[in-house]
Amino acid sequence: VTMRNHLFSALAAVLICVPAFAQDEDSDPGFNEATFKGLEMRGIGPAFMSGRIADIAIHPKNNNVWYVGVGSGGIWKTTNSGTTWEPIFDNEDSYSIGCITIDPNNPNTVWVGTGENVSGRHVAYGSGVYRSRDGGQNWENMGLEDSQHIGMIRVDPRDSNTIFVAAQGPLWSGGGDRGLFKSTDGGETWRKIEAGTLPGVPATAFVNDIKADMFD
């Protein structure tokens, strides 16, 4: 009861002081909006406002151009090595990014896999694979909408129409677009490389990364 009385007294004191404070502000010409104009609200940490950095892709011919994918903050682009940044994925269906890949044959073509790929209970899911043909100004969804989390996209350096996608699928259930997918028509259609055809790999396995001799 005593603690409740103290709390009530404190709230009453605040309510009483607020109008008195407002009166002083109006009556004192030195205590007004201009006095606090320079005290703008700003983030000082400790948390990062956009969450975790999922991937970074740097233009192969211009080191000033970077694309940064954020686990819960879309895609950011810089054309001056990080001095300034521009959000370029805000109008799409997903804010969670798993990976970014620049076409080695045409750096204006950028591929993005949505859905953070760290398999944590805190991650958001995505809405498939996206492609931009103009350096991130415009995007189109290229399918695999049920992949939810994409770990890697690889473009064949010998043929830009050949793309591989490593898809995790839903984290807490079966099904979905899960596994290793390949396109030979620039992402218009996808064929799943069945896990059952790979020795020792169960059909329910997901894929997170891609390595191939022709890429490295």
C-alpha atoms as a PDB file:
ATOM      1  CA  VAL A   1       0.000   0.000   0.000  1.00  0.00           C
ATOM      2  CA  THR A   2       2.829   2.374   0.910  1.00  0.00           C
ATOM      3  CA  MET A   3       4.556   1.821  -2.475  1.00  0.00           C
ATOM      4  CA  ARG A   4       1.247   2.432  -4.285  1.00  0.00           C
ATOM      5  CA  ASN A   5       0.784   5.714  -2.398  1.00  0.00           C
ATOM      6  CA  HIS A   6       4.289   6.853  -3.321  1.00  0.00           C
ATOM      7  CA  LEU A   7       3.659   6.023  -6.968  1.00  0.00           C
ATOM      8  CA  PHE A   8       0.373   7.930  -6.960  1.00  0.00           C
ATOM      9  CA  SER A   9       2.084  10.937  -5.357  1.00  0.00           C
ATOM     10  CA  ALA A  10       4.833  10.884  -7.980  1.00  0.00           C
ATOM     11  CA  LEU A  11       2.335  10.757 -10.862  1.00  0.00           C
ATOM     12  CA  ALA A  12       0.328  13.557  -9.317  1.00  0.00           C
ATOM     13  CA  ALA A  13       3.484  15.660  -9.021  1.00  0.00           C
ATOM     14  CA  VAL A  14       4.273  15.138 -12.703  1.00  0.00           C
ATOM     15  CA  LEU A  15       0.739  16.059 -13.753  1.00  0.00           C
ATOM     16  CA  ILE A  16       0.853  19.181 -11.616  1.00  0.00           C
ATOM     17  CA  CYS A  17       4.271  20.246 -12.893  1.00  0.00           C
ATOM     18  CA  VAL A  18       3.518  19.908 -16.593  1.00  0.00           C
ATOM     19  CA  PRO A  19       1.185  22.925 -16.935  1.00  0.00           C
ATOM     20  CA  ALA A  20       3.474  25.017 -14.722  1.00  0.00           C
ATOM     21  CA  PHE A  21       6.385  24.073 -17.015  1.00  0.00           C
ATOM     22  CA  ALA A  22       4.365  25.101 -20.062  1.00  0.00           C
ATOM     23  CA  GLN A  23       3.542  28.461 -18.485  1.00  0.00           C
ATOM     24  CA  ASP A  24       7.225  29.178 -17.773  1.00  0.00           C
ATOM     25  CA  GLU A  25       8.089  28.320 -21.379  1.00  0.00           C
ATOM     26  CA  ASP A  26       5.583  30.875 -22.677  1.00  0.00           C
ATOM     27  CA  SER A  27       6.532  33.575 -20.200  1.00  0.00           C
ATOM     28  CA  ASP A  28      10.321  33.237 -20.488  1.00  0.00           C
ATOM     29  CA  PRO A  29      11.546  34.453 -23.913  1.00  0.00           C
ATOM     30  CA  GLY A  30      14.796  32.537 -23.403  1.00  0.00           C
ATOM     31  CA  PHE A  31      12.996  29.222 -22.899  1.00  0.00           C
ATOM     32  CA  ASN A  32      11.288  28.432 -26.208  1.00  0.00           C
ATOM     33  CA  GLU A  33      11.528  26.279 -29.309  1.00  0.00           C
ATOM     34  CA  ALA A  34      14.624  28.065 -30.590  1.00  0.00           C
ATOM     35  CA  THR A  35      16.490  27.166 -27.392  1.00  0.00           C
ATOM     36  CA  PHE A  36      16.291  23.450 -28.215  1.00  0.00           C
ATOM     37  CA  LYS A  37      16.402  23.629 -32.010  1.00  0.00           C
ATOM     38  CA  GLY A  38      19.843  22.034 -32.170  1.00  0.00           C
ATOM     39  CA  LEU A  39      18.898  19.065 -29.972  1.00  0.00           C
ATOM     40  CA  GLU A  40      17.647  16.717 -32.674  1.00  0.00           C
ATOM     41  CA  MET A  41      16.801  13.094 -31.872  1.00  0.00           C
ATOM     42  CA  ARG A  42      19.438  10.667 -33.114  1.00  0.00           C
ATOM     43  CA  GLY A  43      20.319   7.011 -32.664  1.00  0.00           C
ATOM     44  CA  ILE A  44      23.264   6.518 -30.313  1.00  0.00           C
ATOM     45  CA  GLY A  45      23.201   2.731 -29.978  1.00  0.00           C
ATOM     46  CA  PRO A  46      23.902   0.188 -28.791  1.00  0.00           C
ATOM     47  CA  ALA A  47      21.618  -1.527 -31.335  1.00  0.00           C
ATOM     48  CA  PHE A  48      22.046  -1.180 -35.099  1.00  0.00           C
ATOM     49  CA  MET A  49      18.889   0.313 -36.574  1.00  0.00           C
ATOM     50  CA  SER A  50      18.873  -1.904 -39.694  1.00  0.00           C
ATOM     51  CA  GLY A  51      19.896  -5.164 -38.043  1.00  0.00           C
ATOM     52  CA  ARG A  52      22.558  -7.512 -39.349  1.00  0.00           C
ATOM     53  CA  ILE A  53      24.592  -7.189 -42.553  1.00  0.00           C
ATOM     54  CA  ALA A  54      23.838 -10.295 -44.626  1.00  0.00           C
ATOM     55  CA  ASP A  55      25.967  -9.754 -47.728  1.00  0.00           C
ATOM     56  CA  ILE A  56      28.133  -7.238 -49.593  1.00  0.00           C
ATOM     57  CA  ALA A  57      28.726  -7.158 -53.351  1.00  0.00           C
ATOM     58  CA  ILE A  58      31.242  -4.779 -54.950  1.00  0.00           C
ATOM     59  CA  HIS A  59      31.146  -3.743 -58.584  1.00  0.00           C
ATOM     60  CA  PRO A  60      33.935  -5.687 -60.357  1.00  0.00           C
ATOM     61  CA  LYS A  61      35.015  -2.685 -62.450  1.00  0.00           C
ATOM     62  CA  ASN A  62      34.259   0.204 -60.104  1.00  0.00           C
ATOM     63  CA  ASN A  63      35.338  -0.190 -56.481  1.00  0.00           C
ATOM     64  CA  ASN A  64      33.288   2.853 -55.487  1.00  0.00           C
ATOM     65  CA  VAL A  65      30.013   0.991 -56.081  1.00  0.00           C
ATOM     66  CA  TRP A  66      28.845  -1.392 -53.358  1.00  0.00           C
ATOM     67  CA  TYR A  67      25.589  -3.178 -52.658  1.00  0.00           C
ATOM     68  CA  VAL A  68      24.897  -4.102 -49.034  1.00  0.00           C
ATOM     69  CA  GLY A  69      22.101  -6.478 -48.050  1.00  0.00           C
ATOM     70  CA  VAL A  70      20.733  -6.198 -44.534  1.00  0.00           C
ATOM     71  CA  GLY A  71      19.070  -9.001 -42.617  1.00  0.00           C
ATOM     72  CA  SER A  72      16.146  -6.770 -41.680  1.00  0.00           C
ATOM     73  CA  GLY A  73      16.755  -3.572 -43.617  1.00  0.00           C
ATOM     74  CA  GLY A  74      16.608  -4.113 -47.391  1.00  0.00           C
ATOM     75  CA  ILE A  75      19.433  -3.201 -49.755  1.00  0.00           C
ATOM     76  CA  TRP A  76      21.654  -0.136 -49.650  1.00  0.00           C
ATOM     77  CA  LYS A  77      23.851   1.163 -52.467  1.00  0.00           C
ATOM     78  CA  THR A  78      26.809   3.518 -52.390  1.00  0.00           C
ATOM     79  CA  THR A  79      28.602   5.007 -55.384  1.00  0.00           C
ATOM     80  CA  ASN A  80      31.334   6.715 -53.345  1.00  0.00           C
ATOM     81  CA  SER A  81      32.842   3.880 -51.287  1.00  0.00           C
ATOM     82  CA  GLY A  82      30.461   4.264 -48.362  1.00  0.00           C
ATOM     83  CA  THR A  83      30.434   8.028 -47.874  1.00  0.00           C
ATOM     84  CA  THR A  84      26.725   8.184 -48.631  1.00  0.00           C
ATOM     85  CA  TRP A  85      24.081   5.458 -48.988  1.00  0.00           C
ATOM     86  CA  GLU A  86      20.784   5.089 -50.825  1.00  0.00           C
ATOM     87  CA  PRO A  87      18.071   2.492 -50.070  1.00  0.00           C
ATOM     88  CA  ILE A  88      17.151   0.744 -53.324  1.00  0.00           C
ATOM     89  CA  PHE A  89      14.815  -2.096 -52.277  1.00  0.00           C
ATOM     90  CA  ASP A  90      12.141  -0.320 -50.261  1.00  0.00           C
ATOM     91  CA  ASN A  91       9.324  -0.843 -52.756  1.00  0.00           C
ATOM     92  CA  GLU A  92       9.613  -4.632 -52.960  1.00  0.00           C
ATOM     93  CA  ASP A  93       7.715  -7.333 -51.058  1.00  0.00           C
ATOM     94  CA  SER A  94      10.519  -8.250 -48.653  1.00  0.00           C
ATOM     95  CA  TYR A  95      12.758  -6.278 -46.313  1.00  0.00           C
ATOM     96  CA  SER A  96      14.859  -9.299 -45.292  1.00  0.00           C
ATOM     97  CA  ILE A  97      17.914 -10.031 -47.451  1.00  0.00           C
ATOM     98  CA  GLY A  98      19.989 -13.206 -47.645  1.00  0.00           C
ATOM     99  CA  CYS A  99      22.461 -12.651 -50.482  1.00  0.00           C
ATOM    100  CA  ILE A 100      23.469 -10.349 -53.350  1.00  0.00           C
ATOM    101  CA  THR A 101      25.240 -11.397 -56.560  1.00  0.00           C
ATOM    102  CA  ILE A 102      26.487  -9.211 -59.404  1.00  0.00           C
ATOM    103  CA  ASP A 103      26.476 -10.776 -62.867  1.00  0.00           C
ATOM    104  CA  PRO A 104      30.183 -11.144 -63.760  1.00  0.00           C
ATOM    105  CA  ASN A 105      29.369 -10.575 -67.428  1.00  0.00           C
ATOM    106  CA  ASN A 106      27.185  -7.510 -66.894  1.00  0.00           C
ATOM    107  CA  PRO A 107      27.684  -5.606 -63.612  1.00  0.00           C
ATOM    108  CA  ASN A 108      24.441  -3.687 -64.145  1.00  0.00           C
ATOM    109  CA  THR A 109      22.565  -6.933 -63.553  1.00  0.00           C
ATOM    110  CA  VAL A 110      22.184  -7.611 -59.834  1.00  0.00           C
ATOM    111  CA  TRP A 111      20.580 -10.719 -58.333  1.00  0.00           C
ATOM    112  CA  VAL A 112      19.138 -10.744 -54.809  1.00  0.00           C
ATOM    113  CA  GLY A 113      17.971 -13.636 -52.663  1.00  0.00           C
ATOM    114  CA  THR A 114      15.486 -12.544 -50.029  1.00  0.00           C
ATOM    115  CA  GLY A 115      15.071 -13.998 -46.555  1.00  0.00           C
ATOM    116  CA  GLU A 116      17.960 -13.874 -44.111  1.00  0.00           C
ATOM    117  CA  ASN A 117      20.014 -17.071 -44.298  1.00  0.00           C
ATOM    118  CA  VAL A 118      21.426 -17.526 -40.792  1.00  0.00           C
ATOM    119  CA  SER A 119      18.716 -19.993 -39.668  1.00  0.00           C
ATOM    120  CA  GLY A 120      18.020 -18.199 -36.402  1.00  0.00           C
ATOM    121  CA  ARG A 121      14.710 -17.972 -34.601  1.00  0.00           C
ATOM    122  CA  HIS A 122      14.816 -14.190 -34.961  1.00  0.00           C
ATOM    123  CA  VAL A 123      15.000 -14.006 -38.782  1.00  0.00           C
ATOM    124  CA  ALA A 124      12.343 -12.821 -41.232  1.00  0.00           C
ATOM    125  CA  TYR A 125      11.461 -14.745 -44.359  1.00  0.00           C
ATOM    126  CA  GLY A 126      11.647 -13.489 -47.935  1.00  0.00           C
ATOM    127  CA  SER A 127       9.646 -13.676 -51.149  1.00  0.00           C
ATOM    128  CA  GLY A 128      12.037 -15.300 -53.594  1.00  0.00           C
ATOM    129  CA  VAL A 129      14.676 -14.211 -56.082  1.00  0.00           C
ATOM    130  CA  TYR A 130      14.857 -10.707 -57.542  1.00  0.00           C
ATOM    131  CA  ARG A 131      16.780  -9.289 -60.488  1.00  0.00           C
ATOM    132  CA  SER A 132      17.681  -5.747 -61.479  1.00  0.00           C
ATOM    133  CA  ARG A 133      19.052  -4.944 -64.922  1.00  0.00           C
ATOM    134  CA  ASP A 134      19.813  -1.298 -64.198  1.00  0.00           C
ATOM    135  CA  GLY A 135      22.016  -1.350 -61.124  1.00  0.00           C
ATOM    136  CA  GLY A 136      19.221  -1.544 -58.575  1.00  0.00           C
ATOM    137  CA  GLN A 137      16.876   1.147 -59.873  1.00  0.00           C
ATOM    138  CA  ASN A 138      14.150  -1.339 -60.796  1.00  0.00           C
ATOM    139  CA  TRP A 139      13.509  -4.911 -59.638  1.00  0.00           C
ATOM    140  CA  GLU A 140      11.515  -7.890 -60.851  1.00  0.00           C
ATOM    141  CA  ASN A 141      10.665 -11.038 -58.935  1.00  0.00           C
ATOM    142  CA  MET A 142      12.131 -14.042 -60.734  1.00  0.00           C
ATOM    143  CA  GLY A 143      10.375 -16.772 -58.797  1.00  0.00           C
ATOM    144  CA  LEU A 144      11.091 -19.285 -56.013  1.00  0.00           C
ATOM    145  CA  GLU A 145       8.691 -17.305 -53.846  1.00  0.00           C
ATOM    146  CA  ASP A 146       8.371 -20.179 -51.359  1.00  0.00           C
ATOM    147  CA  SER A 147      12.108 -20.441 -50.702  1.00  0.00           C
ATOM    148  CA  GLN A 148      11.735 -18.093 -47.675  1.00  0.00           C
ATOM    149  CA  HIS A 149      15.517 -18.027 -47.072  1.00  0.00           C
ATOM    150  CA  ILE A 150      18.157 -17.962 -49.824  1.00  0.00           C
ATOM    151  CA  GLY A 151      21.782 -18.623 -48.978  1.00  0.00           C
ATOM    152  CA  MET A 152      23.558 -18.071 -52.274  1.00  0.00           C
ATOM    153  CA  ILE A 153      23.061 -17.139 -55.931  1.00  0.00           C
ATOM    154  CA  ARG A 154      25.733 -17.957 -58.498  1.00  0.00           C
ATOM    155  CA  VAL A 155      25.835 -16.782 -62.113  1.00  0.00           C
ATOM    156  CA  ASP A 156      27.893 -18.810 -64.557  1.00  0.00           C
ATOM    157  CA  PRO A 157      30.682 -16.482 -65.783  1.00  0.00           C
ATOM    158  CA  ARG A 158      30.540 -18.238 -69.159  1.00  0.00           C
ATOM    159  CA  ASP A 159      26.788 -17.759 -69.621  1.00  0.00           C
ATOM    160  CA  SER A 160      24.607 -15.226 -67.774  1.00  0.00           C
ATOM    161  CA  ASN A 161      21.503 -17.269 -68.532  1.00  0.00           C
ATOM    162  CA  THR A 162      22.740 -20.048 -66.252  1.00  0.00           C
ATOM    163  CA  ILE A 163      22.049 -19.311 -62.601  1.00  0.00           C
ATOM    164  CA  PHE A 164      22.208 -21.518 -59.520  1.00  0.00           C
ATOM    165  CA  VAL A 165      20.253 -20.766 -56.334  1.00  0.00           C
ATOM    166  CA  ALA A 166      20.813 -22.345 -52.921  1.00  0.00           C
ATOM    167  CA  ALA A 167      17.486 -22.231 -51.083  1.00  0.00           C
ATOM    168  CA  GLN A 168      16.936 -23.132 -47.444  1.00  0.00           C
ATOM    169  CA  GLY A 169      13.151 -23.273 -47.566  1.00  0.00           C
ATOM    170  CA  PRO A 170      10.965 -22.795 -44.477  1.00  0.00           C
ATOM    171  CA  LEU A 171      12.923 -23.104 -41.237  1.00  0.00           C
ATOM    172  CA  TRP A 172      10.168 -24.551 -39.060  1.00  0.00           C
ATOM    173  CA  SER A 173       8.292 -26.767 -41.504  1.00  0.00           C
ATOM    174  CA  GLY A 174       8.821 -28.953 -44.546  1.00  0.00           C
ATOM    175  CA  GLY A 175       8.010 -28.199 -48.145  1.00  0.00           C
ATOM    176  CA  GLY A 176       8.503 -24.952 -49.981  1.00  0.00           C
ATOM    177  CA  ASP A 177      11.177 -24.195 -52.554  1.00  0.00           C
ATOM    178  CA  ARG A 178      13.961 -26.038 -50.776  1.00  0.00           C
ATOM    179  CA  GLY A 179      17.261 -27.257 -52.211  1.00  0.00           C
ATOM    180  CA  LEU A 180      19.478 -26.459 -55.196  1.00  0.00           C
ATOM    181  CA  PHE A 181      17.815 -24.826 -58.198  1.00  0.00           C
ATOM    182  CA  LYS A 182      19.163 -24.137 -61.685  1.00  0.00           C
ATOM    183  CA  SER A 183      17.955 -21.908 -64.487  1.00  0.00           C
ATOM    184  CA  THR A 184      19.260 -21.940 -68.047  1.00  0.00           C
ATOM    185  CA  ASP A 185      17.005 -19.176 -69.353  1.00  0.00           C
ATOM    186  CA  GLY A 186      18.008 -16.220 -67.191  1.00  0.00           C
ATOM    187  CA  GLY A 187      15.678 -17.042 -64.321  1.00  0.00           C
ATOM    188  CA  GLU A 188      12.473 -17.386 -66.311  1.00  0.00           C
ATOM    189  CA  THR A 189      12.129 -21.022 -65.188  1.00  0.00           C
ATOM    190  CA  TRP A 190      13.834 -23.091 -62.502  1.00  0.00           C
ATOM    191  CA  ARG A 191      14.654 -26.787 -62.246  1.00  0.00           C
ATOM    192  CA  LYS A 192      15.320 -28.360 -58.889  1.00  0.00           C
ATOM    193  CA  ILE A 193      18.382 -30.591 -58.702  1.00  0.00           C
ATOM    194  CA  GLU A 194      16.871 -33.281 -56.528  1.00  0.00           C
ATOM    195  CA  ALA A 195      18.747 -33.965 -53.315  1.00  0.00           C
ATOM    196  CA  GLY A 196      17.948 -37.643 -53.727  1.00  0.00           C
ATOM    197  CA  THR A 197      20.293 -37.766 -56.690  1.00  0.00           C
ATOM    198  CA  LEU A 198      23.232 -36.675 -54.536  1.00  0.00           C
ATOM    199  CA  PRO A 199      24.870 -39.534 -52.562  1.00  0.00           C
ATOM    200  CA  GLY A 200      24.117 -39.420 -48.840  1.00  0.00           C
ATOM    201  CA  VAL A 201      21.883 -36.342 -48.982  1.00  0.00           C
ATOM    202  CA  PRO A 202      18.265 -36.726 -47.755  1.00  0.00           C
ATOM    203  CA  ALA A 203      15.437 -35.332 -49.843  1.00  0.00           C
ATOM    204  CA  THR A 204      14.472 -32.912 -47.045  1.00  0.00           C
ATOM    205  CA  ALA A 205      17.885 -31.219 -46.923  1.00  0.00           C
ATOM    206  CA  PHE A 206      18.244 -27.539 -47.709  1.00  0.00           C
ATOM    207  CA  VAL A 207      21.156 -25.848 -49.475  1.00  0.00           C
ATOM    208  CA  ASN A 208      22.978 -22.783 -48.151  1.00  0.00           C
ATOM    209  CA  ASP A 209      26.070 -22.346 -50.344  1.00  0.00           C
ATOM    210  CA  ILE A 210      27.349 -23.169 -53.821  1.00  0.00           C
ATOM    211  CA  LYS A 211      30.907 -23.884 -54.909  1.00  0.00           C
ATOM    212  CA  ALA A 212      32.033 -24.937 -58.383  1.00  0.00           C
ATOM    213  CA  ASP A 213      35.378 -25.084 -60.153  1.00  0.00           C
ATOM    214  CA  MET A 214      34.158 -22.945 -62.995  1.00  0.00           C
ATOM    215  CA  PHE A 215      33.322 -20.081 -60.606  1.00  0.00           C
ATOM    216  CA  ASP A 216      36.475 -19.991 -58.466  1.00  0.00           C
END
